[in-house]
Amino acid sequence: MQPKSTVIELFPYRYMKYTYQSLAQSLGIYHYYRENKYPTTYSKEILRLVPNAQYCMQHLRCRGYARSADVLIYDDDLHYIISLMKVYLI
């Protein structure tokens, strides 16, 4: 990727991986991310008991369970992505 490129990551509910954030910063790449606001399936509802993504990421079973969920793009996520595109298209 070239400098000033943009990466947008969408994560499942209660899963947030910051791995590329520092890499992107060192390469001069813009990095944005969002976590799904809700579990995407009924079987993942138990994740609502977890206080936040940072807590879940510290526990191997929680992290693996959250990671296996689907990611859905809601209207507000789409608006967020479009708003970032407008910034760089101008």
Protein backbone atom coordinates (compact mmCIF):
# COMPACT_ATOMS: atom_id res chain seq x y z
CA MET A 1 0.00 0.00 0.00
CA GLN A 2 1.12 3.48 -0.73
CA PRO A 3 1.40 6.22 1.90
CA LYS A 4 -1.91 7.96 2.59
CA SER A 5 -3.86 4.82 1.63
CA THR A 6 -6.79 3.98 3.91
CA VAL A 7 -7.60 0.71 5.66
CA ILE A 8 -10.99 0.27 7.32
CA GLU A 9 -11.52 -2.83 9.46
CA LEU A 10 -14.89 -4.04 10.72
CA PHE A 11 -14.76 -6.46 13.65
CA PRO A 12 -17.30 -8.82 15.21
CA TYR A 13 -19.00 -7.87 18.48
CA ARG A 14 -16.54 -7.96 21.42
CA TYR A 15 -13.54 -8.58 19.15
CA MET A 16 -11.03 -5.86 18.42
CA LYS A 17 -7.53 -6.46 17.09
CA TYR A 18 -5.14 -3.51 17.09
CA THR A 19 -2.32 -5.29 15.24
CA TYR A 20 -2.35 -3.18 12.10
CA GLN A 21 -2.79 0.16 13.82
CA SER A 22 0.90 0.69 14.68
CA LEU A 23 2.04 -0.84 11.37
CA ALA A 24 -0.22 1.48 9.41
CA GLN A 25 1.02 4.46 11.39
CA SER A 26 4.66 3.62 10.65
CA LEU A 27 3.87 3.29 6.92
CA GLY A 28 1.90 6.53 6.75
CA ILE A 29 -1.39 4.69 6.11
CA TYR A 30 -4.70 5.83 7.58
CA HIS A 31 -6.23 3.09 9.71
CA TYR A 32 -9.82 3.09 10.98
CA TYR A 33 -11.80 0.36 12.68
CA ARG A 34 -15.23 -0.38 14.09
CA GLU A 35 -16.70 -3.15 16.15
CA ASN A 36 -20.21 -4.48 15.52
CA LYS A 37 -22.49 -2.91 18.12
CA TYR A 38 -24.50 -6.09 18.64
CA PRO A 39 -24.02 -9.85 18.39
CA THR A 40 -24.93 -10.95 14.86
CA THR A 41 -26.49 -14.30 15.78
CA TYR A 42 -28.52 -15.66 18.64
CA SER A 43 -25.72 -18.05 19.61
CA LYS A 44 -23.37 -15.09 20.19
CA GLU A 45 -25.78 -13.28 22.58
CA ILE A 46 -23.79 -14.64 25.54
CA LEU A 47 -21.05 -12.18 24.59
CA ARG A 48 -23.27 -9.40 25.97
CA LEU A 49 -22.13 -10.57 29.43
CA VAL A 50 -18.55 -9.59 28.58
CA PRO A 51 -17.86 -5.99 29.69
CA ASN A 52 -15.94 -4.91 26.56
CA ALA A 53 -13.71 -6.07 23.70
CA GLN A 54 -10.49 -5.41 25.64
CA TYR A 55 -11.61 -7.82 28.36
CA CYS A 56 -12.62 -10.45 25.81
CA MET A 57 -9.31 -10.17 23.96
CA GLN A 58 -7.42 -11.05 27.17
CA HIS A 59 -9.18 -14.43 27.44
CA LEU A 60 -8.40 -17.03 24.79
CA ARG A 61 -11.81 -18.73 24.77
CA CYS A 62 -13.71 -15.45 24.65
CA ARG A 63 -11.48 -14.11 21.90
CA GLY A 64 -11.87 -17.26 19.79
CA TYR A 65 -15.63 -17.33 20.29
CA ALA A 66 -16.06 -13.66 19.40
CA ARG A 67 -13.75 -13.97 16.41
CA SER A 68 -15.85 -16.76 14.91
CA ALA A 69 -18.87 -14.46 14.55
CA ASP A 70 -20.03 -12.88 11.32
CA VAL A 71 -19.62 -9.17 10.74
CA LEU A 72 -22.65 -7.23 9.60
CA ILE A 73 -22.50 -3.76 8.11
CA TYR A 74 -25.30 -1.62 9.52
CA ASP A 75 -26.42 1.70 8.10
CA ASP A 76 -24.32 3.69 10.57
CA ASP A 77 -21.24 1.64 9.63
CA LEU A 78 -21.86 2.36 5.97
CA HIS A 79 -22.30 6.07 6.69
CA TYR A 80 -19.03 6.01 8.64
CA ILE A 81 -17.18 4.40 5.72
CA ILE A 82 -18.70 6.87 3.26
CA SER A 83 -17.75 9.79 5.50
CA LEU A 84 -14.13 8.60 5.47
CA MET A 85 -14.23 8.29 1.68
CA LYS A 86 -15.48 11.85 1.33
CA VAL A 87 -12.54 13.14 3.34
CA TYR A 88 -10.05 11.58 0.94
CA LEU A 89 -11.92 12.20 -2.29
CA ILE A 90 -11.99 15.95 -1.85
